[in-house]
Structures are given as structure tokens and as C-alpha cells.
């Protein structure tokens, strides 16, 4: 069964802080408190490296040692299952900032 819940965009001040870890192969873990911070930290790292989508790995979003999401190259956060057409992100950085994602 695939997740179908729609999670509305919440601004950082509306998200309740929790301990999340952005884990990405070849990079140090990032400790964050919101989905927005997880997406932003991943995107900042991506931009600093200058690597393209084929070379810059996705990241896992962890909470209490459990994978709760994955972050794709464009900074969107998805359910931790393989993507299929029609899936919606659990956090959409483009929608939350009123425009298109940078990548």
C-alpha cells in the first residue's frame, strides 16, 4: 500500500521541532529540526559541490534511527519508498517558497 496522505506546506515557524538527521553517502550527517531545514541543508550542500543529479546522491531523512523520508536532487522530501508517477512529496520546497525549485 502506498502512502496517500497529503501533507500541507508549513512554514518553518509552523513546524514543530524534532530531531532529524539528513544522512547522505560520502558526507557528514546534518542534524536538523524541520523538513524545511532538511531540504535547505541538502540543497546548500548540493550547490556547494556543483555536482549534477547523476553524481550527487539522494539523502535519507532519519528519526530515531528509522528512515522516514528521502531527499531528491531538487530538495523535495519523499516517502521512503520507491517513487512512482503520481506520488506527492511530503515536503515540497518549491511550493513552500512560492515558486519553482532551483533544480
N, C-alpha and C. Protein backbone atom coordinates (compact mmCIF):
# COMPACT_ATOMS: atom_id res chain seq x y z
N UNK A 1 0.83 -1.17 0.00
CA UNK A 1 0.00 0.00 0.00
C UNK A 1 0.88 1.24 0.00
N UNK A 2 0.56 2.19 -0.86
CA UNK A 2 1.36 3.40 -0.98
C UNK A 2 0.76 4.50 -0.12
N UNK A 3 1.59 5.35 0.47
CA UNK A 3 1.07 6.46 1.26
C UNK A 3 0.24 7.39 0.38
N UNK A 4 -0.88 7.85 0.89
CA UNK A 4 -1.73 8.76 0.13
C UNK A 4 -1.99 10.05 0.88
N UNK A 5 -1.50 10.15 2.07
CA UNK A 5 -1.76 11.36 2.86
C UNK A 5 -1.13 12.58 2.20
N UNK A 6 -1.90 13.65 2.17
CA UNK A 6 -1.37 14.91 1.65
C UNK A 6 -0.95 15.76 2.85
N UNK A 7 0.29 16.13 2.86
CA UNK A 7 0.82 16.93 3.95
C UNK A 7 0.94 18.36 3.45
N UNK A 8 0.20 19.29 4.03
CA UNK A 8 0.26 20.66 3.53
C UNK A 8 1.61 21.29 3.82
N UNK A 9 1.95 22.25 3.00
CA UNK A 9 3.17 23.01 3.22
C UNK A 9 3.03 23.80 4.51
N UNK A 10 4.03 23.72 5.35
CA UNK A 10 4.03 24.53 6.56
C UNK A 10 5.29 25.36 6.58
N UNK A 11 5.14 26.58 6.96
CA UNK A 11 6.28 27.46 7.08
C UNK A 11 7.11 27.00 8.28
N UNK A 12 8.42 27.32 8.29
CA UNK A 12 9.29 26.85 9.37
C UNK A 12 8.75 27.15 10.77
N UNK A 13 8.14 28.29 10.97
CA UNK A 13 7.64 28.63 12.31
C UNK A 13 6.42 27.81 12.70
N UNK A 14 5.78 27.14 11.72
CA UNK A 14 4.62 26.31 12.00
C UNK A 14 5.01 24.85 12.23
N UNK A 15 6.19 24.45 11.84
CA UNK A 15 6.63 23.07 12.03
C UNK A 15 7.13 22.89 13.45
N UNK A 16 6.71 21.81 14.08
CA UNK A 16 7.19 21.51 15.42
C UNK A 16 8.59 20.93 15.32
N UNK A 17 9.55 21.47 16.10
CA UNK A 17 10.91 20.95 16.04
C UNK A 17 11.00 19.51 16.52
N UNK A 18 11.71 18.69 15.77
CA UNK A 18 12.02 17.32 16.14
C UNK A 18 13.46 17.07 15.74
N UNK A 19 14.04 16.05 16.29
CA UNK A 19 15.41 15.71 15.92
C UNK A 19 15.40 14.84 14.67
N UNK A 20 15.93 15.36 13.59
CA UNK A 20 16.03 14.64 12.33
C UNK A 20 17.49 14.64 11.89
N UNK A 21 17.88 13.60 11.18
CA UNK A 21 19.23 13.51 10.64
C UNK A 21 19.12 13.36 9.13
N UNK A 22 19.86 14.19 8.41
CA UNK A 22 20.00 14.04 6.97
C UNK A 22 21.26 13.22 6.76
N UNK A 23 21.10 12.00 6.24
CA UNK A 23 22.22 11.08 6.05
C UNK A 23 22.42 10.88 4.54
N UNK A 24 23.66 11.14 4.12
CA UNK A 24 23.98 11.08 2.69
C UNK A 24 25.35 10.45 2.52
N UNK A 25 25.41 9.47 1.64
CA UNK A 25 26.67 8.75 1.42
C UNK A 25 27.79 9.71 1.04
N UNK A 26 28.93 9.59 1.75
CA UNK A 26 30.10 10.40 1.45
C UNK A 26 30.13 11.76 2.11
N UNK A 27 29.12 12.08 2.94
CA UNK A 27 29.04 13.40 3.58
C UNK A 27 28.70 13.22 5.05
N UNK A 28 29.11 14.19 5.88
CA UNK A 28 28.75 14.10 7.30
C UNK A 28 27.23 14.27 7.48
N UNK A 29 26.70 13.64 8.52
CA UNK A 29 25.28 13.81 8.84
C UNK A 29 24.98 15.26 9.18
N UNK A 30 23.77 15.69 8.84
CA UNK A 30 23.28 17.01 9.23
C UNK A 30 22.17 16.82 10.25
N UNK A 31 22.26 17.47 11.40
CA UNK A 31 21.21 17.42 12.40
C UNK A 31 20.30 18.62 12.17
N UNK A 32 19.01 18.36 11.97
CA UNK A 32 18.05 19.43 11.68
C UNK A 32 16.81 19.22 12.53
N UNK A 33 15.93 20.24 12.56
CA UNK A 33 14.72 20.16 13.37
C UNK A 33 13.43 20.19 12.56
N UNK A 34 13.49 20.59 11.29
CA UNK A 34 12.27 20.66 10.48
C UNK A 34 12.54 20.11 9.08
N UNK A 35 11.48 19.80 8.37
CA UNK A 35 11.62 19.36 6.99
C UNK A 35 12.22 20.47 6.13
N UNK A 36 11.83 21.70 6.40
CA UNK A 36 12.37 22.83 5.65
C UNK A 36 13.88 22.93 5.83
N UNK A 37 14.35 22.75 7.06
CA UNK A 37 15.80 22.80 7.32
C UNK A 37 16.52 21.63 6.66
N UNK A 38 15.89 20.46 6.64
CA UNK A 38 16.49 19.29 5.98
C UNK A 38 16.66 19.56 4.49
N UNK A 39 15.61 20.07 3.86
CA UNK A 39 15.66 20.38 2.43
C UNK A 39 16.70 21.46 2.14
N UNK A 40 16.69 22.50 2.94
CA UNK A 40 17.63 23.60 2.72
C UNK A 40 19.08 23.15 2.90
N UNK A 41 19.35 22.35 3.95
CA UNK A 41 20.72 21.86 4.18
C UNK A 41 21.21 20.99 3.03
N UNK A 42 20.34 20.14 2.54
CA UNK A 42 20.69 19.29 1.40
C UNK A 42 20.98 20.15 0.17
N UNK A 43 20.11 21.12 -0.11
CA UNK A 43 20.29 21.97 -1.30
C UNK A 43 21.55 22.83 -1.20
N UNK A 44 21.85 23.33 -0.02
CA UNK A 44 23.07 24.12 0.15
C UNK A 44 24.30 23.26 -0.13
N UNK A 45 24.29 22.04 0.39
CA UNK A 45 25.40 21.12 0.14
C UNK A 45 25.52 20.82 -1.36
N UNK A 46 24.39 20.56 -2.00
CA UNK A 46 24.37 20.28 -3.44
C UNK A 46 24.97 21.44 -4.22
N UNK A 47 24.55 22.66 -3.88
CA UNK A 47 25.04 23.84 -4.60
C UNK A 47 26.53 24.07 -4.36
N UNK A 48 27.00 23.79 -3.15
CA UNK A 48 28.42 23.97 -2.84
C UNK A 48 29.30 22.99 -3.62
N UNK A 49 28.79 21.79 -3.86
CA UNK A 49 29.61 20.80 -4.57
C UNK A 49 29.64 21.06 -6.07
N UNK A 50 28.58 21.63 -6.61
CA UNK A 50 28.49 21.86 -8.04
C UNK A 50 28.24 20.58 -8.84
N UNK A 51 27.91 19.49 -8.15
CA UNK A 51 27.67 18.22 -8.83
C UNK A 51 26.27 18.17 -9.43
N UNK A 52 26.13 17.47 -10.53
CA UNK A 52 24.84 17.28 -11.18
C UNK A 52 24.07 16.14 -10.55
N UNK A 53 22.86 15.95 -11.05
CA UNK A 53 21.96 14.94 -10.48
C UNK A 53 22.52 13.53 -10.54
N UNK A 54 23.29 13.22 -11.57
CA UNK A 54 23.82 11.86 -11.68
C UNK A 54 24.99 11.60 -10.73
N UNK A 55 25.62 12.65 -10.24
CA UNK A 55 26.78 12.49 -9.37
C UNK A 55 26.50 12.81 -7.90
N UNK A 56 25.45 13.56 -7.62
CA UNK A 56 25.16 13.97 -6.24
C UNK A 56 24.06 13.05 -5.69
N UNK A 57 24.38 12.27 -4.65
CA UNK A 57 23.42 11.26 -4.18
C UNK A 57 22.24 11.85 -3.42
N UNK A 58 21.13 11.12 -3.48
CA UNK A 58 19.99 11.46 -2.64
C UNK A 58 20.39 11.27 -1.19
N UNK A 59 19.58 11.80 -0.29
CA UNK A 59 19.83 11.64 1.14
C UNK A 59 18.65 10.93 1.80
N UNK A 60 18.93 10.29 2.91
CA UNK A 60 17.88 9.70 3.73
C UNK A 60 17.60 10.64 4.88
N UNK A 61 16.35 10.72 5.27
CA UNK A 61 15.94 11.52 6.43
C UNK A 61 15.61 10.53 7.54
N UNK A 62 16.33 10.64 8.65
CA UNK A 62 16.22 9.69 9.74
C UNK A 62 15.62 10.35 10.98
N UNK A 63 14.81 9.57 11.70
CA UNK A 63 14.31 10.00 13.01
C UNK A 63 14.36 8.80 13.94
N UNK A 64 15.08 8.95 15.01
CA UNK A 64 15.24 7.86 15.99
C UNK A 64 15.73 6.58 15.33
N UNK A 65 16.65 6.70 14.38
CA UNK A 65 17.25 5.55 13.73
C UNK A 65 16.40 4.91 12.64
N UNK A 66 15.26 5.50 12.33
CA UNK A 66 14.36 4.96 11.31
C UNK A 66 14.32 5.92 10.12
N UNK A 67 14.40 5.37 8.91
CA UNK A 67 14.30 6.20 7.71
C UNK A 67 12.84 6.64 7.56
N UNK A 68 12.61 7.95 7.59
CA UNK A 68 11.25 8.48 7.48
C UNK A 68 11.02 9.22 6.17
N UNK A 69 12.08 9.40 5.38
CA UNK A 69 11.93 10.07 4.10
C UNK A 69 13.23 10.01 3.33
N UNK A 70 13.16 10.51 2.10
CA UNK A 70 14.37 10.63 1.28
C UNK A 70 14.31 11.97 0.57
N UNK A 71 15.46 12.56 0.37
CA UNK A 71 15.54 13.87 -0.25
C UNK A 71 16.12 13.70 -1.64
N UNK A 72 15.37 14.15 -2.64
CA UNK A 72 15.82 14.04 -4.02
C UNK A 72 16.66 15.25 -4.40
N UNK A 73 17.30 15.16 -5.55
CA UNK A 73 18.23 16.19 -6.01
C UNK A 73 17.62 17.60 -5.99
N UNK A 74 16.33 17.71 -6.26
CA UNK A 74 15.69 19.02 -6.29
C UNK A 74 15.32 19.54 -4.90
N UNK A 75 15.61 18.77 -3.86
CA UNK A 75 15.35 19.22 -2.49
C UNK A 75 14.00 18.81 -1.94
N UNK A 76 13.19 18.16 -2.74
CA UNK A 76 11.90 17.69 -2.25
C UNK A 76 12.11 16.45 -1.37
N UNK A 77 11.24 16.31 -0.38
CA UNK A 77 11.32 15.17 0.54
C UNK A 77 10.14 14.25 0.25
N UNK A 78 10.48 12.97 0.06
CA UNK A 78 9.51 11.95 -0.34
C UNK A 78 9.39 10.88 0.72
N UNK A 79 8.30 10.12 0.64
CA UNK A 79 8.16 8.94 1.49
C UNK A 79 9.34 8.01 1.19
N UNK A 80 9.78 7.22 2.15
CA UNK A 80 10.98 6.39 1.96
C UNK A 80 10.71 5.10 1.19
N UNK A 81 10.00 5.21 0.10
CA UNK A 81 9.69 4.07 -0.76
C UNK A 81 10.01 4.48 -2.19
N UNK A 82 10.19 3.53 -3.09
CA UNK A 82 10.49 3.92 -4.48
C UNK A 82 9.39 4.81 -5.07
N UNK A 83 9.81 5.83 -5.78
CA UNK A 83 8.89 6.79 -6.39
C UNK A 83 8.14 6.15 -7.55
N UNK A 84 6.87 6.52 -7.67
CA UNK A 84 6.06 6.12 -8.82
C UNK A 84 5.29 7.33 -9.30
N UNK A 85 4.94 7.37 -10.58
CA UNK A 85 4.17 8.52 -11.11
C UNK A 85 2.93 8.77 -10.26
N UNK A 86 2.68 10.03 -9.97
CA UNK A 86 1.53 10.42 -9.16
C UNK A 86 1.84 10.61 -7.70
N UNK A 87 3.01 10.13 -7.23
CA UNK A 87 3.38 10.34 -5.83
C UNK A 87 3.57 11.82 -5.55
N UNK A 88 3.21 12.23 -4.37
CA UNK A 88 3.37 13.62 -3.93
C UNK A 88 4.43 13.68 -2.84
N UNK A 89 5.27 14.71 -2.84
CA UNK A 89 6.28 14.82 -1.77
C UNK A 89 5.63 15.12 -0.42
N UNK A 90 6.31 14.73 0.64
CA UNK A 90 5.83 15.09 1.98
C UNK A 90 6.29 16.50 2.33
N UNK A 91 7.29 17.00 1.62
CA UNK A 91 7.69 18.41 1.74
C UNK A 91 8.13 18.86 0.36
N UNK A 92 7.51 19.91 -0.15
CA UNK A 92 7.83 20.44 -1.47
C UNK A 92 8.43 21.83 -1.31
N UNK A 93 9.74 21.91 -1.42
CA UNK A 93 10.43 23.18 -1.21
C UNK A 93 9.99 24.25 -2.21
N UNK A 94 9.62 23.86 -3.43
CA UNK A 94 9.16 24.84 -4.43
C UNK A 94 7.82 25.42 -4.02
N UNK A 95 6.89 24.59 -3.61
CA UNK A 95 5.56 25.05 -3.22
C UNK A 95 5.61 25.91 -1.97
N UNK A 96 6.49 25.56 -1.06
CA UNK A 96 6.58 26.30 0.20
C UNK A 96 7.22 27.68 0.03
N UNK A 97 7.93 27.87 -1.06
CA UNK A 97 8.57 29.16 -1.28
C UNK A 97 7.93 29.92 -2.45
N UNK A 98 6.79 29.45 -2.89
CA UNK A 98 6.01 30.16 -3.87
C UNK A 98 6.57 30.17 -5.28
N UNK A 99 7.37 29.19 -5.64
CA UNK A 99 7.93 29.18 -6.99
C UNK A 99 8.48 27.83 -7.35
N UNK A 100 9.25 27.81 -8.39
CA UNK A 100 9.87 26.58 -8.84
C UNK A 100 11.15 26.34 -8.06
N UNK A 101 11.46 25.10 -7.84
CA UNK A 101 12.74 24.75 -7.20
C UNK A 101 13.87 25.15 -8.13
N UNK A 102 15.00 25.46 -7.55
CA UNK A 102 16.14 25.90 -8.35
C UNK A 102 16.61 24.80 -9.29
N UNK A 103 16.44 23.53 -8.91
CA UNK A 103 16.88 22.41 -9.73
C UNK A 103 15.84 21.35 -9.76
